[in-house]
Amino acid sequence: MNKSLLTLSAFLAFGISLSVQAGPKEDFQAIYSEAESIHEDAGNFQWTTTSDRLKAAKSAAENGDYDKAKTMASEAVELAKESVAQRKDQGEAWRNVALGG
């Protein structure tokens, strides 16, 4: 009986540790969601290259190529961050010109 309990415990522990690890699809979805969110934050300063990477990432994921999808989504994150930075820089530049600063 102790052997059965030990076996069951080991099986449950192993099963739980596997369920905690995300798979390629989940990894892609997390990166893609982050990219979309940051891209939206860019507002009127959204870059078309970011949109292109998001489309490519989604297409790759639909074809089951999650490595390529993650790469494209990661590139979209970086591009989206740059577009948000541009939005902030332009807002500050406008303020300086408008207020004579």
Protein backbone atom coordinates (compact mmCIF):
# COMPACT_ATOMS: atom_id res chain seq x y z
CA MET A 1 0.00 0.00 0.00
CA ASN A 2 2.82 2.41 0.76
CA LYS A 3 4.35 1.64 -2.62
CA SER A 4 1.06 2.50 -4.35
CA LEU A 5 0.78 5.75 -2.41
CA LEU A 6 4.36 6.64 -3.27
CA THR A 7 3.77 5.89 -6.95
CA LEU A 8 0.61 7.99 -6.97
CA SER A 9 2.38 10.86 -5.23
CA ALA A 10 5.25 10.77 -7.72
CA PHE A 11 2.82 10.68 -10.63
CA LEU A 12 0.86 13.67 -9.29
CA ALA A 13 4.02 15.67 -8.62
CA PHE A 14 5.29 14.98 -12.13
CA GLY A 15 1.91 15.82 -13.66
CA ILE A 16 1.69 19.10 -11.78
CA SER A 17 5.19 20.15 -12.81
CA LEU A 18 4.36 19.45 -16.46
CA SER A 19 1.15 21.45 -16.31
CA VAL A 20 3.01 24.49 -14.96
CA GLN A 21 5.28 24.63 -18.00
CA ALA A 22 3.82 26.50 -20.94
CA GLY A 23 4.01 25.03 -24.38
CA PRO A 24 5.03 26.74 -27.61
CA LYS A 25 1.46 27.79 -28.37
CA GLU A 26 1.00 29.39 -24.95
CA ASP A 27 4.41 31.09 -25.20
CA PHE A 28 3.41 32.54 -28.57
CA GLN A 29 0.03 33.70 -27.28
CA ALA A 30 1.63 35.53 -24.35
CA ILE A 31 4.15 37.33 -26.56
CA TYR A 32 1.52 38.12 -29.19
CA SER A 33 -0.84 39.58 -26.58
CA GLU A 34 1.97 41.74 -25.22
CA ALA A 35 2.78 42.98 -28.73
CA GLU A 36 -0.85 43.82 -29.45
CA SER A 37 -1.22 45.70 -26.18
CA ILE A 38 1.92 47.78 -26.70
CA HIS A 39 0.97 48.38 -30.34
CA GLU A 40 -2.41 49.74 -29.25
CA ASP A 41 -0.65 52.00 -26.74
CA ALA A 42 1.18 53.67 -29.63
CA GLY A 43 -2.12 55.22 -30.71
CA ASN A 44 -1.70 57.31 -33.86
CA PHE A 45 1.99 56.42 -33.93
CA GLN A 46 1.44 52.73 -34.73
CA TRP A 47 4.02 51.53 -37.22
CA THR A 48 2.94 49.52 -40.25
CA THR A 49 5.98 47.29 -39.77
CA THR A 50 4.59 46.29 -36.37
CA SER A 51 1.25 45.41 -37.95
CA ASP A 52 3.07 43.39 -40.61
CA ARG A 53 4.98 41.41 -37.95
CA LEU A 54 1.77 40.75 -36.03
CA LYS A 55 0.09 39.45 -39.19
CA ALA A 56 3.11 37.26 -39.98
CA ALA A 57 3.15 35.93 -36.42
CA LYS A 58 -0.54 35.06 -36.53
CA SER A 59 -0.14 33.37 -39.90
CA ALA A 60 2.80 31.29 -38.69
CA ALA A 61 0.86 30.25 -35.59
CA GLU A 62 -2.14 29.26 -37.69
CA ASN A 63 0.22 27.03 -39.70
CA GLY A 64 1.60 25.49 -36.50
CA ASP A 65 5.06 27.05 -36.78
CA TYR A 66 5.23 28.43 -33.25
CA ASP A 67 8.99 29.06 -33.35
CA LYS A 68 8.56 31.43 -36.27
CA ALA A 69 5.40 32.86 -34.70
CA LYS A 70 7.24 33.64 -31.46
CA THR A 71 10.10 35.26 -33.38
CA MET A 72 7.71 37.47 -35.35
CA ALA A 73 5.73 38.36 -32.23
CA SER A 74 8.93 39.22 -30.35
CA GLU A 75 9.98 41.50 -33.19
CA ALA A 76 6.53 43.10 -33.05
CA VAL A 77 6.99 43.76 -29.32
CA GLU A 78 10.26 45.59 -29.96
CA LEU A 79 8.82 47.60 -32.85
CA ALA A 80 5.76 48.49 -30.80
CA LYS A 81 7.96 49.69 -27.94
CA GLU A 82 9.82 51.93 -30.39
CA SER A 83 6.57 53.37 -31.71
CA VAL A 84 5.39 54.12 -28.15
CA ALA A 85 8.72 55.83 -27.49
CA GLN A 86 8.22 57.88 -30.65
CA ARG A 87 4.73 58.86 -29.50
CA LYS A 88 6.12 60.04 -26.17
CA ASP A 89 9.03 61.90 -27.80
CA GLN A 90 6.72 63.64 -30.25
CA GLY A 91 4.35 64.61 -27.44
CA GLU A 92 7.22 66.16 -25.52
CA ALA A 93 8.59 67.89 -28.62
CA TRP A 94 5.17 69.35 -29.40
CA ARG A 95 4.83 70.60 -25.82
CA ASN A 96 8.26 72.29 -26.01
CA VAL A 97 7.39 74.01 -29.29
CA ALA A 98 3.90 75.04 -28.18
CA LEU A 99 5.08 76.39 -24.83
CA GLY A 100 8.33 77.85 -26.16
CA GLY A 101 10.40 75.49 -23.99
